[in-house]
Amino acid sequence: MKTFYSSVVELRQEFVTDIETHPYECGWADEAIFFVEVHAPEPGVRLGLRVQLSPDGIRWHDEGTVIDTSTSTFARVTHFGGFLRLAGAAHRPDGTAAPATISVRLALKG
C-alpha cells in the first residue's frame, strides 16, 4: 500500500514581485501534484511558475514543468530530488510585474 500525504505549502500568500513557495521535503515520495489556486487576480494577470527541485533545500534547479495560468490549476511531477517548490512571477499583459495572492497545496504519494 502506498503512503499518501497532503500539505498546504502556501495559504492565501501575497507575493508582490517574485514568487518562491516554501520548500517541501518529499524525497520519500514517488510522485507529487502541485495544486495552485489564484485568489482575486487582476484582469489579464497571468502566473508563470516553474517546478524546482533541490537535493538540499538550498540550491534550486528547474525541473522542466511550467505552469502558465490565470486561474486554479495543477501540475504533476515525478523523478525529483529531496525538495520541491514553485518559483516564478505574475505579469500583466504589458509584461510588467503584478502582485498575486495564491494558495499552493502539495499532494504526495509513494
Protein backbone atom coordinates (compact mmCIF):
# COMPACT_ATOMS: atom_id res chain seq x y z
CA MET A 1 0.00 0.00 0.00
CA LYS A 2 1.33 3.44 -0.93
CA THR A 3 1.70 6.30 1.51
CA PHE A 4 -0.25 9.49 0.77
CA TYR A 5 0.29 12.92 2.28
CA SER A 6 -1.23 16.31 1.50
CA SER A 7 0.23 19.60 2.68
CA VAL A 8 -0.69 23.27 2.40
CA VAL A 9 2.54 24.90 1.26
CA GLU A 10 1.12 28.44 0.94
CA LEU A 11 -2.29 29.66 2.11
CA ARG A 12 -3.55 32.93 0.61
CA GLN A 13 0.03 34.18 0.49
CA GLU A 14 0.53 37.54 -1.24
CA PHE A 15 3.62 37.86 -3.41
CA VAL A 16 4.45 41.40 -4.54
CA THR A 17 7.23 40.57 -7.01
CA ASP A 18 8.92 37.18 -7.39
CA ILE A 19 7.09 34.08 -6.26
CA GLU A 20 9.02 31.41 -4.37
CA THR A 21 6.97 28.97 -2.32
CA HIS A 22 8.31 27.37 0.82
CA PRO A 23 10.45 24.33 0.05
CA TYR A 24 8.93 20.99 0.94
CA GLU A 25 10.97 17.91 1.81
CA CYS A 26 9.49 14.95 -0.02
CA GLY A 27 12.31 12.61 -1.00
CA TRP A 28 10.27 9.58 0.12
CA ALA A 29 7.54 10.19 -2.47
CA ASP A 30 7.38 8.73 -5.98
CA GLU A 31 5.03 11.35 -7.35
CA ALA A 32 3.73 14.81 -6.48
CA ILE A 33 0.91 17.06 -7.63
CA PHE A 34 1.01 20.82 -7.06
CA PHE A 35 -2.46 22.38 -6.82
CA VAL A 36 -2.32 26.16 -7.41
CA GLU A 37 -5.22 28.48 -6.60
CA VAL A 38 -5.15 32.14 -7.63
CA HIS A 39 -7.22 34.43 -5.40
CA ALA A 40 -8.94 37.51 -6.92
CA PRO A 41 -6.43 38.15 -9.71
CA GLU A 42 -6.31 41.46 -11.56
CA PRO A 43 -7.92 41.15 -15.00
CA GLY A 44 -5.36 39.91 -17.53
CA VAL A 45 -2.73 38.91 -14.97
CA ARG A 46 -1.07 35.54 -15.59
CA LEU A 47 1.12 33.46 -13.31
CA GLY A 48 4.24 31.86 -14.73
CA LEU A 49 5.53 29.24 -12.29
CA ARG A 50 8.32 26.69 -12.66
CA VAL A 51 8.61 23.50 -10.65
CA GLN A 52 12.01 23.43 -8.99
CA LEU A 53 13.84 20.61 -7.24
CA SER A 54 16.74 20.55 -4.83
CA PRO A 55 18.93 17.96 -3.15
CA ASP A 56 19.30 20.06 0.00
CA GLY A 57 16.62 22.79 0.05
CA ILE A 58 19.24 25.49 -0.66
CA ARG A 59 20.35 25.17 -4.30
CA TRP A 60 17.44 25.03 -6.76
CA HIS A 61 17.15 23.71 -10.33
CA ASP A 62 14.26 23.98 -12.77
CA GLU A 63 12.66 20.57 -13.21
CA GLY A 64 11.11 21.42 -16.59
CA THR A 65 7.41 21.63 -15.70
CA VAL A 66 5.95 25.11 -16.27
CA ILE A 67 2.58 26.42 -15.11
CA ASP A 68 1.12 29.35 -17.06
CA THR A 69 -2.32 30.24 -15.71
CA SER A 70 -4.72 32.93 -14.58
CA THR A 71 -6.95 30.54 -12.62
CA SER A 72 -6.66 27.42 -10.49
CA THR A 73 -4.66 24.55 -11.95
CA PHE A 74 -2.34 21.67 -11.13
CA ALA A 75 0.97 20.13 -12.24
CA ARG A 76 2.16 16.53 -11.92
CA VAL A 77 5.81 15.77 -11.10
CA THR A 78 7.83 12.56 -10.89
CA HIS A 79 11.56 11.75 -10.57
CA PHE A 80 12.50 14.61 -8.27
CA GLY A 81 15.11 15.11 -5.57
CA GLY A 82 14.64 15.64 -1.88
CA PHE A 83 12.84 19.00 -2.00
CA LEU A 84 10.23 20.65 -4.25
CA ARG A 85 8.94 24.21 -4.64
CA LEU A 86 7.41 26.57 -7.20
CA ALA A 87 9.16 29.73 -8.42
CA GLY A 88 8.12 32.42 -10.88
CA ALA A 89 6.15 35.66 -11.08
CA ALA A 90 2.83 37.23 -12.04
CA HIS A 91 2.69 39.56 -15.02
CA ARG A 92 0.20 41.95 -16.56
CA PRO A 93 -0.50 41.79 -20.32
CA ASP A 94 2.05 44.58 -20.93
CA GLY A 95 4.78 42.49 -19.24
CA THR A 96 5.05 44.46 -16.01
CA ALA A 97 5.17 42.60 -12.71
CA ALA A 98 1.92 42.23 -10.80
CA PRO A 99 1.17 41.19 -7.23
CA ALA A 100 -0.58 37.85 -6.76
CA THR A 101 -2.25 36.05 -3.88
CA ILE A 102 -2.06 32.29 -4.19
CA SER A 103 -2.60 29.08 -2.28
CA VAL A 104 -0.47 26.04 -3.07
CA ARG A 105 -1.19 22.51 -1.92
CA LEU A 106 1.12 19.57 -2.49
CA ALA A 107 -0.19 16.01 -2.72
CA LEU A 108 2.48 13.31 -2.35
CA LYS A 109 2.28 9.58 -2.95
CA GLY A 110 4.98 6.97 -2.59
